[in-house]
Amino acid sequence: MSSINQKIIYLIINSSLLEIRTWPKPGNVHRTQNFPNTKYEDFLKAVFSLKDVWNWYYLECKKYFDCINFNKLAELYSSFVEKAVIRMMEVQSGGNVLLGHILLLGSLFIPAAYGILKRFSSISEFWSFYNNIIENSTPQDTIRIYKAIRIANPGGMGSIEKYDLYNENVFDEIIKDQINLKKIFKYSSERDSISECIATNFEFIRNEILPRLDILWENYENKIQKLISKLDSILINKDLIEINIHLNELIIRLFLYILMKKLDTLIIRKNDISIAKEISKRAENLYQMYFIMDKELWMQELYNFDNELQQYKGKRNPGATADLLAATIFLKIIFLNLKL
């Protein structure tokens, strides 16, 4: 693996690990909390198993960076998702543990890799490149993504009137209506925040979350700089609280901020919107408490919130929020590396 291969692959794997290894993110699986059929180790096995799939993805994409072919890059994205999901399901027994990461980080990987090799002059150029990939996708890409999601079999999917994931005629519908990735993610946006991100060039994260992260970052930068500077050369092999308590706290606060700003669509699908609103309000209160409470008391409130959500055995799991968190972390890290 070349130094550039390793750089981008370590950055993206570490973005997943920073989300997974932060403790505790209320309602999610972490080092002290498992769900009935999903363990903390399942997430770690899946993340580390994807290293060679990311490497394949990079080498294939690189072939089209000198003479850019957005149609082919879109095909590689959908192929990556399918390969990554198959690998994820093969290596652990906890079911769908990383689909959100695979969809979001997989889509960001191409402009990130291109930026490391070729450079962008601005953030807007990064997002224009990203949009061209999604826009130039085909119905065949959509079908590959659908097949991957079927393999992952995520919880709480329910059914929809058109382009339903499990409809036996859905692939014919997709081809007949020429539904590419841009169209299908836009169609799914109202009920799924991951789809919304991809369809809108990560508008929510760009406009709402990254600016907040920049503000939070200023308060921690000197304390986390050493670890951040190594993320392209080492893989995080311990829980973050054991490595850098300041970065752990920063990510927890960012998680709460995302949850208070956007209702978690996984919680909505597994419960209803009123439960999601209640959890978001609780996250907002806890986020604001940080500024007025003693740190130890604040941490106790955080544990209490986690324990409350854990009582529902995964039904009140802000899993979509965790996926958005991983994407935000990766964008911050890659923009630092690209000096954008």
C-alpha atoms as a PDB file:
ATOM      1  CA  MET A   1       0.000   0.000   0.000  1.00  0.00           C
ATOM      2  CA  SER A   2       1.462   3.375  -1.025  1.00  0.00           C
ATOM      3  CA  SER A   3       1.712   6.272   1.410  1.00  0.00           C
ATOM      4  CA  ILE A   4      -1.190   8.053  -0.327  1.00  0.00           C
ATOM      5  CA  ASN A   5      -3.330   4.896  -0.239  1.00  0.00           C
ATOM      6  CA  GLN A   6      -2.639   4.547   3.451  1.00  0.00           C
ATOM      7  CA  LYS A   7      -3.280   8.221   4.183  1.00  0.00           C
ATOM      8  CA  ILE A   8      -6.824   8.350   2.792  1.00  0.00           C
ATOM      9  CA  ILE A   9      -7.742   4.849   3.994  1.00  0.00           C
ATOM     10  CA  TYR A  10      -6.508   5.509   7.535  1.00  0.00           C
ATOM     11  CA  LEU A  11      -8.345   8.833   7.637  1.00  0.00           C
ATOM     12  CA  ILE A  12     -11.633   7.244   6.625  1.00  0.00           C
ATOM     13  CA  ILE A  13     -11.318   4.184   8.879  1.00  0.00           C
ATOM     14  CA  ASN A  14     -10.353   6.411  11.803  1.00  0.00           C
ATOM     15  CA  SER A  15     -13.449   8.552  11.177  1.00  0.00           C
ATOM     16  CA  SER A  16     -15.563   5.441  11.728  1.00  0.00           C
ATOM     17  CA  LEU A  17     -13.495   4.491  14.761  1.00  0.00           C
ATOM     18  CA  LEU A  18     -13.734   7.971  16.297  1.00  0.00           C
ATOM     19  CA  GLU A  19     -17.510   7.697  16.158  1.00  0.00           C
ATOM     20  CA  ILE A  20     -17.674   4.103  17.404  1.00  0.00           C
ATOM     21  CA  ARG A  21     -14.995   4.410  20.098  1.00  0.00           C
ATOM     22  CA  THR A  22     -16.369   7.618  21.661  1.00  0.00           C
ATOM     23  CA  TRP A  23     -17.981   6.833  25.003  1.00  0.00           C
ATOM     24  CA  PRO A  24     -20.756   7.139  25.871  1.00  0.00           C
ATOM     25  CA  LYS A  25     -22.936   8.334  23.005  1.00  0.00           C
ATOM     26  CA  PRO A  26     -26.403   8.010  24.571  1.00  0.00           C
ATOM     27  CA  GLY A  27     -28.522   5.200  23.172  1.00  0.00           C
ATOM     28  CA  ASN A  28     -25.825   3.639  21.000  1.00  0.00           C
ATOM     29  CA  VAL A  29     -23.795   0.474  21.374  1.00  0.00           C
ATOM     30  CA  HIS A  30     -20.500   1.265  23.076  1.00  0.00           C
ATOM     31  CA  ARG A  31     -17.909  -0.364  25.288  1.00  0.00           C
ATOM     32  CA  THR A  32     -20.297  -0.775  28.251  1.00  0.00           C
ATOM     33  CA  GLN A  33     -23.565  -1.284  26.374  1.00  0.00           C
ATOM     34  CA  ASN A  34     -24.570  -3.971  23.875  1.00  0.00           C
ATOM     35  CA  PHE A  35     -27.927  -4.550  22.230  1.00  0.00           C
ATOM     36  CA  PRO A  36     -29.583  -7.986  22.486  1.00  0.00           C
ATOM     37  CA  ASN A  37     -28.225  -9.145  19.111  1.00  0.00           C
ATOM     38  CA  THR A  38     -25.449  -6.637  18.450  1.00  0.00           C
ATOM     39  CA  LYS A  39     -22.235  -6.200  20.375  1.00  0.00           C
ATOM     40  CA  TYR A  40     -19.618  -3.461  20.466  1.00  0.00           C
ATOM     41  CA  GLU A  41     -17.097  -5.903  18.991  1.00  0.00           C
ATOM     42  CA  ASP A  42     -19.317  -6.384  15.925  1.00  0.00           C
ATOM     43  CA  PHE A  43     -18.777  -2.752  14.960  1.00  0.00           C
ATOM     44  CA  LEU A  44     -15.019  -3.025  15.401  1.00  0.00           C
ATOM     45  CA  LYS A  45     -14.764  -6.258  13.420  1.00  0.00           C
ATOM     46  CA  ALA A  46     -16.709  -4.698  10.565  1.00  0.00           C
ATOM     47  CA  VAL A  47     -14.642  -1.499  10.463  1.00  0.00           C
ATOM     48  CA  PHE A  48     -11.273  -3.246  10.421  1.00  0.00           C
ATOM     49  CA  SER A  49     -12.448  -5.840   7.888  1.00  0.00           C
ATOM     50  CA  LEU A  50     -13.134  -3.122   5.305  1.00  0.00           C
ATOM     51  CA  LYS A  51      -9.515  -2.020   5.012  1.00  0.00           C
ATOM     52  CA  ASP A  52      -8.842  -3.988   1.824  1.00  0.00           C
ATOM     53  CA  VAL A  53     -12.224  -3.021   0.354  1.00  0.00           C
ATOM     54  CA  TRP A  54     -11.310   0.642   0.816  1.00  0.00           C
ATOM     55  CA  ASN A  55      -7.963  -0.086  -0.836  1.00  0.00           C
ATOM     56  CA  TRP A  56      -9.681  -1.697  -3.833  1.00  0.00           C
ATOM     57  CA  TYR A  57     -11.983   1.330  -4.058  1.00  0.00           C
ATOM     58  CA  TYR A  58      -9.082   3.770  -4.039  1.00  0.00           C
ATOM     59  CA  LEU A  59      -7.098   1.917  -6.714  1.00  0.00           C
ATOM     60  CA  GLU A  60     -10.127   1.674  -8.999  1.00  0.00           C
ATOM     61  CA  CYS A  61     -11.129   5.328  -8.562  1.00  0.00           C
ATOM     62  CA  LYS A  62      -7.570   6.497  -9.167  1.00  0.00           C
ATOM     63  CA  LYS A  63      -7.758   5.161 -12.719  1.00  0.00           C
ATOM     64  CA  TYR A  64     -10.312   7.876 -13.563  1.00  0.00           C
ATOM     65  CA  PHE A  65      -8.704  10.865 -11.839  1.00  0.00           C
ATOM     66  CA  ASP A  66      -6.485  11.984 -14.727  1.00  0.00           C
ATOM     67  CA  CYS A  67      -9.304  11.839 -17.250  1.00  0.00           C
ATOM     68  CA  ILE A  68     -12.350  12.275 -15.040  1.00  0.00           C
ATOM     69  CA  ASN A  69     -15.301  10.017 -15.770  1.00  0.00           C
ATOM     70  CA  PHE A  70     -18.068  10.815 -13.293  1.00  0.00           C
ATOM     71  CA  ASN A  71     -20.318   8.090 -14.653  1.00  0.00           C
ATOM     72  CA  LYS A  72     -17.635   5.488 -13.931  1.00  0.00           C
ATOM     73  CA  LEU A  73     -16.904   6.959 -10.486  1.00  0.00           C
ATOM     74  CA  ALA A  74     -20.609   6.659  -9.631  1.00  0.00           C
ATOM     75  CA  GLU A  75     -20.494   3.039 -10.735  1.00  0.00           C
ATOM     76  CA  LEU A  76     -17.499   2.451  -8.476  1.00  0.00           C
ATOM     77  CA  TYR A  77     -19.338   4.049  -5.545  1.00  0.00           C
ATOM     78  CA  SER A  78     -22.337   1.744  -5.894  1.00  0.00           C
ATOM     79  CA  SER A  79     -20.024  -1.258  -6.412  1.00  0.00           C
ATOM     80  CA  PHE A  80     -18.077  -0.310  -3.301  1.00  0.00           C
ATOM     81  CA  VAL A  81     -21.275  -0.131  -1.239  1.00  0.00           C
ATOM     82  CA  GLU A  82     -22.254  -3.611  -2.388  1.00  0.00           C
ATOM     83  CA  LYS A  83     -18.805  -5.097  -1.670  1.00  0.00           C
ATOM     84  CA  ALA A  84     -18.515  -3.358   1.694  1.00  0.00           C
ATOM     85  CA  VAL A  85     -21.946  -4.484   2.874  1.00  0.00           C
ATOM     86  CA  ILE A  86     -21.233  -8.091   1.897  1.00  0.00           C
ATOM     87  CA  ARG A  87     -17.961  -7.956   3.832  1.00  0.00           C
ATOM     88  CA  MET A  88     -19.636  -6.301   6.833  1.00  0.00           C
ATOM     89  CA  MET A  89     -22.216  -9.078   7.058  1.00  0.00           C
ATOM     90  CA  GLU A  90     -19.635 -11.851   6.599  1.00  0.00           C
ATOM     91  CA  VAL A  91     -17.279 -10.927   9.422  1.00  0.00           C
ATOM     92  CA  GLN A  92     -19.623 -10.424  12.363  1.00  0.00           C
ATOM     93  CA  SER A  93     -22.942 -11.685  13.711  1.00  0.00           C
ATOM     94  CA  GLY A  94     -24.545  -8.417  14.830  1.00  0.00           C
ATOM     95  CA  GLY A  95     -26.354  -7.674  11.583  1.00  0.00           C
ATOM     96  CA  ASN A  96     -26.304  -4.225  10.015  1.00  0.00           C
ATOM     97  CA  VAL A  97     -23.735  -2.276  12.003  1.00  0.00           C
ATOM     98  CA  LEU A  98     -22.173   0.031   9.398  1.00  0.00           C
ATOM     99  CA  LEU A  99     -24.540   0.640   6.482  1.00  0.00           C
ATOM    100  CA  GLY A 100     -24.823   4.360   7.253  1.00  0.00           C
ATOM    101  CA  HIS A 101     -21.050   4.730   7.434  1.00  0.00           C
ATOM    102  CA  ILE A 102     -20.627   2.829   4.174  1.00  0.00           C
ATOM    103  CA  LEU A 103     -23.172   4.962   2.301  1.00  0.00           C
ATOM    104  CA  LEU A 104     -21.999   8.331   3.629  1.00  0.00           C
ATOM    105  CA  LEU A 105     -18.256   7.824   3.891  1.00  0.00           C
ATOM    106  CA  GLY A 106     -18.219   5.839   0.660  1.00  0.00           C
ATOM    107  CA  SER A 107     -19.725   8.757  -1.220  1.00  0.00           C
ATOM    108  CA  LEU A 108     -17.278  11.251   0.328  1.00  0.00           C
ATOM    109  CA  PHE A 109     -14.276   9.025  -0.286  1.00  0.00           C
ATOM    110  CA  ILE A 110     -13.969   9.803  -4.008  1.00  0.00           C
ATOM    111  CA  PRO A 111     -13.667  13.611  -3.786  1.00  0.00           C
ATOM    112  CA  ALA A 112     -11.473  13.203  -0.691  1.00  0.00           C
ATOM    113  CA  ALA A 113      -9.076  10.860  -2.504  1.00  0.00           C
ATOM    114  CA  TYR A 114      -9.088  13.085  -5.578  1.00  0.00           C
ATOM    115  CA  GLY A 115      -8.352  16.101  -3.385  1.00  0.00           C
ATOM    116  CA  ILE A 116      -5.368  14.438  -1.743  1.00  0.00           C
ATOM    117  CA  LEU A 117      -3.920  13.500  -5.137  1.00  0.00           C
ATOM    118  CA  LYS A 118      -4.889  16.522  -7.244  1.00  0.00           C
ATOM    119  CA  ARG A 119      -5.985  19.237  -4.810  1.00  0.00           C
ATOM    120  CA  PHE A 120      -9.050  21.462  -4.804  1.00  0.00           C
ATOM    121  CA  SER A 121      -8.777  25.229  -4.783  1.00  0.00           C
ATOM    122  CA  SER A 122     -11.857  25.653  -2.569  1.00  0.00           C
ATOM    123  CA  ILE A 123     -14.484  23.791  -0.582  1.00  0.00           C
ATOM    124  CA  SER A 124     -17.076  24.677  -3.233  1.00  0.00           C
ATOM    125  CA  GLU A 125     -14.934  22.846  -5.801  1.00  0.00           C
ATOM    126  CA  PHE A 126     -14.937  19.773  -3.521  1.00  0.00           C
ATOM    127  CA  TRP A 127     -18.746  19.833  -3.346  1.00  0.00           C
ATOM    128  CA  SER A 128     -19.143  20.420  -7.075  1.00  0.00           C
ATOM    129  CA  PHE A 129     -17.002  17.332  -7.711  1.00  0.00           C
ATOM    130  CA  TYR A 130     -19.127  15.370  -5.217  1.00  0.00           C
ATOM    131  CA  ASN A 131     -22.383  16.435  -6.835  1.00  0.00           C
ATOM    132  CA  ASN A 132     -21.173  15.457 -10.301  1.00  0.00           C
ATOM    133  CA  ILE A 133     -20.653  11.879  -9.117  1.00  0.00           C
ATOM    134  CA  ILE A 134     -24.182  11.549  -7.725  1.00  0.00           C
ATOM    135  CA  GLU A 135     -25.762  13.395 -10.668  1.00  0.00           C
ATOM    136  CA  ASN A 136     -24.016  11.182 -13.224  1.00  0.00           C
ATOM    137  CA  SER A 137     -25.099   7.912 -11.669  1.00  0.00           C
ATOM    138  CA  THR A 138     -27.455   5.518 -13.460  1.00  0.00           C
ATOM    139  CA  PRO A 139     -30.422   3.300 -12.560  1.00  0.00           C
ATOM    140  CA  GLN A 140     -27.957   0.393 -12.416  1.00  0.00           C
ATOM    141  CA  ASP A 141     -26.163   2.181  -9.559  1.00  0.00           C
ATOM    142  CA  THR A 142     -29.472   2.526  -7.745  1.00  0.00           C
ATOM    143  CA  ILE A 143     -30.151  -1.181  -8.185  1.00  0.00           C
ATOM    144  CA  ARG A 144     -26.732  -2.064  -6.751  1.00  0.00           C
ATOM    145  CA  ILE A 145     -27.423   0.155  -3.728  1.00  0.00           C
ATOM    146  CA  TYR A 146     -30.838  -1.471  -3.273  1.00  0.00           C
ATOM    147  CA  LYS A 147     -29.283  -4.939  -3.384  1.00  0.00           C
ATOM    148  CA  ALA A 148     -26.730  -3.885  -0.774  1.00  0.00           C
ATOM    149  CA  ILE A 149     -29.416  -2.476   1.530  1.00  0.00           C
ATOM    150  CA  ARG A 150     -31.396  -5.706   1.195  1.00  0.00           C
ATOM    151  CA  ILE A 151     -28.314  -7.663   2.287  1.00  0.00           C
ATOM    152  CA  ALA A 152     -27.815  -5.357   5.296  1.00  0.00           C
ATOM    153  CA  ASN A 153     -31.530  -5.594   6.121  1.00  0.00           C
ATOM    154  CA  PRO A 154     -31.655  -2.482   8.346  1.00  0.00           C
ATOM    155  CA  GLY A 155     -34.303  -2.270  11.040  1.00  0.00           C
ATOM    156  CA  GLY A 156     -37.421  -0.129  10.926  1.00  0.00           C
ATOM    157  CA  MET A 157     -37.571   0.205   7.142  1.00  0.00           C
ATOM    158  CA  GLY A 158     -41.319  -0.273   6.805  1.00  0.00           C
ATOM    159  CA  SER A 159     -42.779   0.088   3.316  1.00  0.00           C
ATOM    160  CA  ILE A 160     -43.353   2.985   0.923  1.00  0.00           C
ATOM    161  CA  GLU A 161     -45.728   3.457  -1.972  1.00  0.00           C
ATOM    162  CA  LYS A 162     -43.147   3.773  -4.743  1.00  0.00           C
ATOM    163  CA  TYR A 163     -39.664   2.231  -5.150  1.00  0.00           C
ATOM    164  CA  ASP A 164     -40.198   0.124  -2.054  1.00  0.00           C
ATOM    165  CA  LEU A 165     -37.006  -1.736  -1.165  1.00  0.00           C
ATOM    166  CA  TYR A 166     -38.672  -5.159  -0.952  1.00  0.00           C
ATOM    167  CA  ASN A 167     -41.169  -4.826  -3.802  1.00  0.00           C
ATOM    168  CA  GLU A 168     -40.482  -7.673  -6.244  1.00  0.00           C
ATOM    169  CA  ASN A 169     -40.966  -5.284  -9.186  1.00  0.00           C
ATOM    170  CA  VAL A 170     -38.886  -2.415  -7.810  1.00  0.00           C
ATOM    171  CA  PHE A 171     -35.917  -2.914 -10.150  1.00  0.00           C
ATOM    172  CA  ASP A 172     -38.225  -2.719 -13.163  1.00  0.00           C
ATOM    173  CA  GLU A 173     -39.700   0.500 -11.731  1.00  0.00           C
ATOM    174  CA  ILE A 174     -36.235   1.996 -11.243  1.00  0.00           C
ATOM    175  CA  ILE A 175     -35.188   1.243 -14.827  1.00  0.00           C
ATOM    176  CA  LYS A 176     -38.520   2.336 -16.331  1.00  0.00           C
ATOM    177  CA  ASP A 177     -38.451   5.690 -14.482  1.00  0.00           C
ATOM    178  CA  GLN A 178     -34.675   6.151 -14.925  1.00  0.00           C
ATOM    179  CA  ILE A 179     -34.109   6.578 -11.186  1.00  0.00           C
ATOM    180  CA  ASN A 180     -30.449   7.325 -10.542  1.00  0.00           C
ATOM    181  CA  LEU A 181     -28.849   7.877  -7.139  1.00  0.00           C
ATOM    182  CA  LYS A 182     -29.663  11.586  -7.030  1.00  0.00           C
ATOM    183  CA  LYS A 183     -33.340  10.847  -7.631  1.00  0.00           C
ATOM    184  CA  ILE A 184     -33.681   7.915  -5.240  1.00  0.00           C
ATOM    185  CA  PHE A 185     -31.866   9.634  -2.391  1.00  0.00           C
ATOM    186  CA  LYS A 186     -33.975  12.748  -2.934  1.00  0.00           C
ATOM    187  CA  TYR A 187     -37.130  10.609  -2.950  1.00  0.00           C
ATOM    188  CA  SER A 188     -36.081   9.003   0.352  1.00  0.00           C
ATOM    189  CA  SER A 189     -34.938  12.243   1.999  1.00  0.00           C
ATOM    190  CA  GLU A 190     -38.025  12.941   4.091  1.00  0.00           C
ATOM    191  CA  ARG A 191     -37.795   9.655   5.964  1.00  0.00           C
ATOM    192  CA  ASP A 192     -34.041   9.109   6.030  1.00  0.00           C
ATOM    193  CA  SER A 193     -31.350  11.628   6.988  1.00  0.00           C
ATOM    194  CA  ILE A 194     -28.596   9.662   5.238  1.00  0.00           C
ATOM    195  CA  SER A 195     -30.482   9.924   1.951  1.00  0.00           C
ATOM    196  CA  GLU A 196     -31.051  13.620   2.615  1.00  0.00           C
ATOM    197  CA  CYS A 197     -27.329  14.188   3.104  1.00  0.00           C
ATOM    198  CA  ILE A 198     -26.345  12.507  -0.144  1.00  0.00           C
ATOM    199  CA  ALA A 199     -29.138  14.129  -2.167  1.00  0.00           C
ATOM    200  CA  THR A 200     -28.316  17.648  -0.935  1.00  0.00           C
ATOM    201  CA  ASN A 201     -24.510  17.555  -0.958  1.00  0.00           C
ATOM    202  CA  PHE A 202     -24.542  17.242   2.843  1.00  0.00           C
ATOM    203  CA  GLU A 203     -26.343  20.573   3.173  1.00  0.00           C
ATOM    204  CA  PHE A 204     -27.312  20.052   6.825  1.00  0.00           C
ATOM    205  CA  ILE A 205     -23.780  19.122   7.835  1.00  0.00           C
ATOM    206  CA  ARG A 206     -22.183  21.862   5.713  1.00  0.00           C
ATOM    207  CA  ASN A 207     -24.440  24.677   6.906  1.00  0.00           C
ATOM    208  CA  GLU A 208     -25.318  23.650  10.452  1.00  0.00           C
ATOM    209  CA  ILE A 209     -22.915  21.106  11.914  1.00  0.00           C
ATOM    210  CA  LEU A 210     -19.458  21.875  10.531  1.00  0.00           C
ATOM    211  CA  PRO A 211     -19.664  25.550  11.596  1.00  0.00           C
ATOM    212  CA  ARG A 212     -20.581  24.419  15.123  1.00  0.00           C
ATOM    213  CA  LEU A 213     -17.733  21.914  15.091  1.00  0.00           C
ATOM    214  CA  ASP A 214     -15.343  24.700  14.111  1.00  0.00           C
ATOM    215  CA  ILE A 215     -16.439  26.658  17.183  1.00  0.00           C
ATOM    216  CA  LEU A 216     -16.077  23.654  19.476  1.00  0.00           C
ATOM    217  CA  TRP A 217     -12.766  22.760  17.868  1.00  0.00           C
ATOM    218  CA  GLU A 218     -11.200  26.056  18.939  1.00  0.00           C
ATOM    219  CA  ASN A 219     -11.736  25.113  22.586  1.00  0.00           C
ATOM    220  CA  TYR A 220      -9.968  21.767  22.245  1.00  0.00           C
ATOM    221  CA  GLU A 221      -7.461  22.210  19.417  1.00  0.00           C
ATOM    222  CA  ASN A 222      -4.308  22.410  21.525  1.00  0.00           C
ATOM    223  CA  LYS A 223      -5.361  19.361  23.537  1.00  0.00           C
ATOM    224  CA  ILE A 224      -6.203  17.132  20.560  1.00  0.00           C
ATOM    225  CA  GLN A 225      -3.651  18.290  18.002  1.00  0.00           C
ATOM    226  CA  LYS A 226      -1.149  15.496  18.627  1.00  0.00           C
ATOM    227  CA  LEU A 227      -3.677  12.727  18.045  1.00  0.00           C
ATOM    228  CA  ILE A 228      -5.310  14.457  15.070  1.00  0.00           C
ATOM    229  CA  SER A 229      -1.931  14.815  13.357  1.00  0.00           C
ATOM    230  CA  LYS A 230      -1.431  11.027  13.516  1.00  0.00           C
ATOM    231  CA  LEU A 231      -4.766   9.929  12.089  1.00  0.00           C
ATOM    232  CA  ASP A 232      -3.314   9.356   8.624  1.00  0.00           C
ATOM    233  CA  SER A 233      -0.608   7.018   9.901  1.00  0.00           C
ATOM    234  CA  ILE A 234      -2.041   4.980  12.806  1.00  0.00           C
ATOM    235  CA  LEU A 235      -5.378   3.283  13.418  1.00  0.00           C
ATOM    236  CA  ILE A 236      -7.148   4.000  16.694  1.00  0.00           C
ATOM    237  CA  ASN A 237      -6.877   0.798  18.721  1.00  0.00           C
ATOM    238  CA  LYS A 238      -8.450   1.802  22.052  1.00  0.00           C
ATOM    239  CA  ASP A 239     -11.559   3.533  23.284  1.00  0.00           C
ATOM    240  CA  LEU A 240     -11.096   7.225  22.746  1.00  0.00           C
ATOM    241  CA  ILE A 241     -11.581   8.133  26.398  1.00  0.00           C
ATOM    242  CA  GLU A 242      -8.385   6.134  27.135  1.00  0.00           C
ATOM    243  CA  ILE A 243      -6.402   7.905  24.407  1.00  0.00           C
ATOM    244  CA  ASN A 244      -7.619  11.503  24.524  1.00  0.00           C
ATOM    245  CA  ILE A 245     -10.365  12.467  26.957  1.00  0.00           C
ATOM    246  CA  HIS A 246     -10.689  15.912  25.359  1.00  0.00           C
ATOM    247  CA  LEU A 247     -11.421  14.584  21.881  1.00  0.00           C
ATOM    248  CA  ASN A 248     -13.859  12.117  23.424  1.00  0.00           C
ATOM    249  CA  GLU A 249     -15.722  14.986  25.104  1.00  0.00           C
ATOM    250  CA  LEU A 250     -15.694  17.089  21.936  1.00  0.00           C
ATOM    251  CA  ILE A 251     -17.276  14.284  19.904  1.00  0.00           C
ATOM    252  CA  ILE A 252     -19.922  13.620  22.562  1.00  0.00           C
ATOM    253  CA  ARG A 253     -20.895  17.301  22.527  1.00  0.00           C
ATOM    254  CA  LEU A 254     -21.022  17.255  18.734  1.00  0.00           C
ATOM    255  CA  PHE A 255     -23.228  14.141  18.839  1.00  0.00           C
ATOM    256  CA  LEU A 256     -25.658  15.911  21.180  1.00  0.00           C
ATOM    257  CA  TYR A 257     -25.670  18.982  18.933  1.00  0.00           C
ATOM    258  CA  ILE A 258     -26.540  16.930  15.834  1.00  0.00           C
ATOM    259  CA  LEU A 259     -29.272  15.104  17.748  1.00  0.00           C
ATOM    260  CA  MET A 260     -30.805  18.354  19.020  1.00  0.00           C
ATOM    261  CA  LYS A 261     -30.751  19.923  15.539  1.00  0.00           C
ATOM    262  CA  LYS A 262     -32.193  17.013  13.555  1.00  0.00           C
ATOM    263  CA  LEU A 263     -34.716  14.399  14.612  1.00  0.00           C
ATOM    264  CA  ASP A 264     -33.180  10.954  14.346  1.00  0.00           C
ATOM    265  CA  THR A 265     -34.872   9.196  11.443  1.00  0.00           C
ATOM    266  CA  LEU A 266     -34.032   5.720  12.748  1.00  0.00           C
ATOM    267  CA  ILE A 267     -35.876   6.522  15.980  1.00  0.00           C
ATOM    268  CA  ILE A 268     -38.831   7.861  13.984  1.00  0.00           C
ATOM    269  CA  ARG A 269     -39.011   4.663  11.912  1.00  0.00           C
ATOM    270  CA  LYS A 270     -38.773   2.410  14.972  1.00  0.00           C
ATOM    271  CA  ASN A 271     -41.167   4.501  17.127  1.00  0.00           C
ATOM    272  CA  ASP A 272     -42.834   7.717  15.972  1.00  0.00           C
ATOM    273  CA  ILE A 273     -42.027  11.388  15.591  1.00  0.00           C
ATOM    274  CA  SER A 274     -43.132  12.305  19.115  1.00  0.00           C
ATOM    275  CA  ILE A 275     -40.510   9.988  20.640  1.00  0.00           C
ATOM    276  CA  ALA A 276     -37.850  11.445  18.339  1.00  0.00           C
ATOM    277  CA  LYS A 277     -38.798  14.985  19.398  1.00  0.00           C
ATOM    278  CA  GLU A 278     -38.637  14.032  23.057  1.00  0.00           C
ATOM    279  CA  ILE A 279     -35.133  12.570  22.627  1.00  0.00           C
ATOM    280  CA  SER A 280     -33.922  15.592  20.648  1.00  0.00           C
ATOM    281  CA  LYS A 281     -35.196  17.912  23.363  1.00  0.00           C
ATOM    282  CA  ARG A 282     -33.400  15.853  25.990  1.00  0.00           C
ATOM    283  CA  ALA A 283     -30.197  16.115  23.939  1.00  0.00           C
ATOM    284  CA  GLU A 284     -30.645  19.895  23.669  1.00  0.00           C
ATOM    285  CA  ASN A 285     -31.045  20.255  27.426  1.00  0.00           C
ATOM    286  CA  LEU A 286     -27.948  18.171  28.027  1.00  0.00           C
ATOM    287  CA  TYR A 287     -25.955  20.106  25.438  1.00  0.00           C
ATOM    288  CA  GLN A 288     -26.848  23.407  27.110  1.00  0.00           C
ATOM    289  CA  MET A 289     -26.156  22.046  30.595  1.00  0.00           C
ATOM    290  CA  TYR A 290     -22.483  21.680  29.700  1.00  0.00           C
ATOM    291  CA  PHE A 291     -22.045  25.455  29.941  1.00  0.00           C
ATOM    292  CA  ILE A 292     -23.492  25.794  33.438  1.00  0.00           C
ATOM    293  CA  MET A 293     -22.804  22.531  35.283  1.00  0.00           C
ATOM    294  CA  ASP A 294     -19.814  21.069  37.033  1.00  0.00           C
ATOM    295  CA  LYS A 295     -18.099  18.638  34.621  1.00  0.00           C
ATOM    296  CA  GLU A 296     -18.591  15.571  36.823  1.00  0.00           C
ATOM    297  CA  LEU A 297     -22.279  16.333  37.297  1.00  0.00           C
ATOM    298  CA  TRP A 298     -22.666  16.866  33.555  1.00  0.00           C
ATOM    299  CA  MET A 299     -21.078  13.488  32.860  1.00  0.00           C
ATOM    300  CA  GLN A 300     -23.488  11.886  35.315  1.00  0.00           C
ATOM    301  CA  GLU A 301     -26.401  13.433  33.415  1.00  0.00           C
ATOM    302  CA  LEU A 302     -24.900  12.012  30.226  1.00  0.00           C
ATOM    303  CA  TYR A 303     -24.768   8.518  31.754  1.00  0.00           C
ATOM    304  CA  ASN A 304     -28.357   8.920  32.955  1.00  0.00           C
ATOM    305  CA  PHE A 305     -29.515   9.849  29.447  1.00  0.00           C
ATOM    306  CA  ASP A 306     -27.675   6.834  28.031  1.00  0.00           C
ATOM    307  CA  ASN A 307     -29.208   4.493  30.613  1.00  0.00           C
ATOM    308  CA  GLU A 308     -32.699   5.809  29.863  1.00  0.00           C
ATOM    309  CA  LEU A 309     -32.361   5.101  26.145  1.00  0.00           C
ATOM    310  CA  GLN A 310     -30.654   1.733  26.676  1.00  0.00           C
ATOM    311  CA  GLN A 311     -33.723   0.435  28.518  1.00  0.00           C
ATOM    312  CA  TYR A 312     -35.470   0.138  25.140  1.00  0.00           C
ATOM    313  CA  LYS A 313     -32.921  -2.398  23.815  1.00  0.00           C
ATOM    314  CA  GLY A 314     -32.064  -0.507  20.652  1.00  0.00           C
ATOM    315  CA  LYS A 315     -35.532   0.802  19.793  1.00  0.00           C
ATOM    316  CA  ARG A 316     -34.547   4.312  20.846  1.00  0.00           C
ATOM    317  CA  ASN A 317     -31.096   4.212  19.332  1.00  0.00           C
ATOM    318  CA  PRO A 318     -30.024   7.473  17.623  1.00  0.00           C
ATOM    319  CA  GLY A 319     -28.221   5.437  14.975  1.00  0.00           C
ATOM    320  CA  ALA A 320     -28.777   7.890  12.135  1.00  0.00           C
ATOM    321  CA  THR A 321     -27.242  10.613  14.310  1.00  0.00           C
ATOM    322  CA  ALA A 322     -24.171   8.428  14.849  1.00  0.00           C
ATOM    323  CA  ASP A 323     -23.822   8.008  11.077  1.00  0.00           C
ATOM    324  CA  LEU A 324     -24.041  11.767  10.517  1.00  0.00           C
ATOM    325  CA  LEU A 325     -21.447  12.188  13.249  1.00  0.00           C
ATOM    326  CA  ALA A 326     -18.991   9.880  11.457  1.00  0.00           C
ATOM    327  CA  ALA A 327     -19.465  11.835   8.220  1.00  0.00           C
ATOM    328  CA  THR A 328     -18.926  15.155  10.006  1.00  0.00           C
ATOM    329  CA  ILE A 329     -15.733  13.884  11.620  1.00  0.00           C
ATOM    330  CA  PHE A 330     -14.400  12.718   8.264  1.00  0.00           C
ATOM    331  CA  LEU A 331     -15.222  16.020   6.564  1.00  0.00           C
ATOM    332  CA  LYS A 332     -13.459  17.987   9.288  1.00  0.00           C
ATOM    333  CA  ILE A 333     -10.385  15.767   9.109  1.00  0.00           C
ATOM    334  CA  ILE A 334     -10.201  15.723   5.317  1.00  0.00           C
ATOM    335  CA  PHE A 335     -10.657  19.506   5.051  1.00  0.00           C
ATOM    336  CA  LEU A 336      -7.808  19.943   7.534  1.00  0.00           C
ATOM    337  CA  ASN A 337      -5.644  17.701   5.365  1.00  0.00           C
ATOM    338  CA  LEU A 338      -6.678  19.446   2.161  1.00  0.00           C
ATOM    339  CA  LYS A 339      -6.219  22.844   3.879  1.00  0.00           C
ATOM    340  CA  LEU A 340      -9.693  23.935   2.760  1.00  0.00           C
END
